[in-house]
Structures are given as C-alpha cells and as structure tokens.
C-alpha cells in the first residue's frame, strides 16, 4: 500500500505543475496526494516558500525537494 502524501506548492508555480505531472502516473495507480497551498497559513510560507514544490510523506514526515522525477518518487515511497 502506498503512503499518503502532501505536495506543498502554490497556484501559478510552474515547478509545482511539473511536480504534479511527475506524480500523476502514481496517483492513477492509487497514490493519495493532498495538494497543500503554502500561502496560508504563514508558517507554511516561511517553511516552504523557497523550496516548493516539496513532496511530504504523511506517515514519516520525510520530504522530497524538487527537482524529482517519477523514479525518485517511487524510491522515496518505499
């Protein structure tokens, strides 16, 4: 079973769109990903503002910073 994840980003972020495209094949195979907009609350903006997009595992809190490809995401999820 694939762990639930969060993808931290914001609207209008072209890198975030690229990250979504990389994980979409995994979503189509059952990966649950919550898209989290970092613009509110402020603490997310401070933590992730210069790092987005960031994929975070809900179960362990481990984070994968951009740039990543689908194969790196698969390895991250193991």
Protein backbone atom coordinates (compact mmCIF):
# COMPACT_ATOMS: atom_id res chain seq x y z
CA UNK A 1 0.00 0.00 0.00
CA UNK A 2 1.30 3.42 -0.95
CA UNK A 3 1.68 6.01 1.83
CA UNK A 4 -0.45 9.15 1.77
CA UNK A 5 1.47 12.26 0.73
CA UNK A 6 1.17 16.02 0.60
CA UNK A 7 2.51 18.18 -2.21
CA UNK A 8 3.39 21.65 -0.95
CA UNK A 9 3.14 24.37 -3.59
CA UNK A 10 1.05 27.32 -4.70
CA UNK A 11 -1.03 28.47 -7.63
CA UNK A 12 0.92 29.86 -10.55
CA UNK A 13 4.08 27.93 -9.67
CA UNK A 14 5.30 26.31 -12.89
CA UNK A 15 7.64 23.99 -10.99
CA UNK A 16 4.68 22.80 -8.93
CA UNK A 17 2.87 21.97 -12.16
CA UNK A 18 5.89 19.95 -13.31
CA UNK A 19 5.93 18.11 -9.96
CA UNK A 20 2.24 17.29 -10.27
CA UNK A 21 2.88 15.88 -13.74
CA UNK A 22 5.67 13.65 -12.38
CA UNK A 23 3.48 12.15 -9.64
CA UNK A 24 0.29 11.85 -11.72
CA UNK A 25 1.10 8.33 -13.01
CA UNK A 26 1.42 7.23 -9.38
CA UNK A 27 -1.87 8.90 -8.45
CA UNK A 28 -3.50 6.96 -11.27
CA UNK A 29 -2.19 3.79 -9.56
CA UNK A 30 -3.57 4.63 -6.12
CA UNK A 31 -1.21 7.15 -4.53
CA UNK A 32 -3.15 9.64 -2.42
CA UNK A 33 -1.72 13.14 -2.64
CA UNK A 34 -3.16 16.21 -0.93
CA UNK A 35 -2.23 19.46 -2.65
CA UNK A 36 -1.32 21.98 0.07
CA UNK A 37 -1.15 25.68 -0.79
CA UNK A 38 1.63 27.26 1.25
CA UNK A 39 0.29 30.80 1.07
CA UNK A 40 -1.94 30.28 4.10
CA UNK A 41 -1.04 29.78 6.93
CA UNK A 42 2.02 31.98 7.14
CA UNK A 43 4.15 29.31 8.82
CA UNK A 44 3.93 27.17 5.67
CA UNK A 45 5.03 30.14 3.56
CA UNK A 46 8.03 30.64 5.82
CA UNK A 47 8.94 26.93 5.84
CA UNK A 48 8.41 26.15 2.16
CA UNK A 49 8.41 29.45 0.29
CA UNK A 50 11.87 29.00 -1.21
CA UNK A 51 11.69 25.19 -1.52
CA UNK A 52 8.46 24.42 -3.37
CA UNK A 53 7.42 22.06 -4.68
CA UNK A 54 8.04 19.60 -1.84
CA UNK A 55 6.52 16.13 -1.57
CA UNK A 56 5.99 15.02 2.05
CA UNK A 57 5.04 11.59 3.37
CA UNK A 58 2.29 11.88 5.97
CA UNK A 59 3.35 8.69 7.79
CA UNK A 60 7.01 9.55 8.38
CA UNK A 61 7.23 13.28 7.68
CA UNK A 62 10.06 12.61 5.20
CA UNK A 63 10.32 15.25 2.46
CA UNK A 64 11.50 15.13 -1.13
CA UNK A 65 12.51 18.50 -2.55
CA UNK A 66 12.25 19.45 -6.19
CA UNK A 67 13.69 18.54 -8.63
CA UNK A 68 12.49 14.93 -8.70
CA UNK A 69 11.26 12.51 -11.32
CA UNK A 70 8.78 9.66 -11.11
CA UNK A 71 11.50 7.08 -10.38
CA UNK A 72 12.82 9.16 -7.49
CA UNK A 73 9.30 9.44 -6.10
CA UNK A 74 8.87 5.66 -6.31
CA UNK A 75 12.12 5.17 -4.37
CA UNK A 76 11.01 7.83 -1.84
CA UNK A 77 7.76 5.96 -1.23
CA UNK A 78 9.46 2.63 -0.41
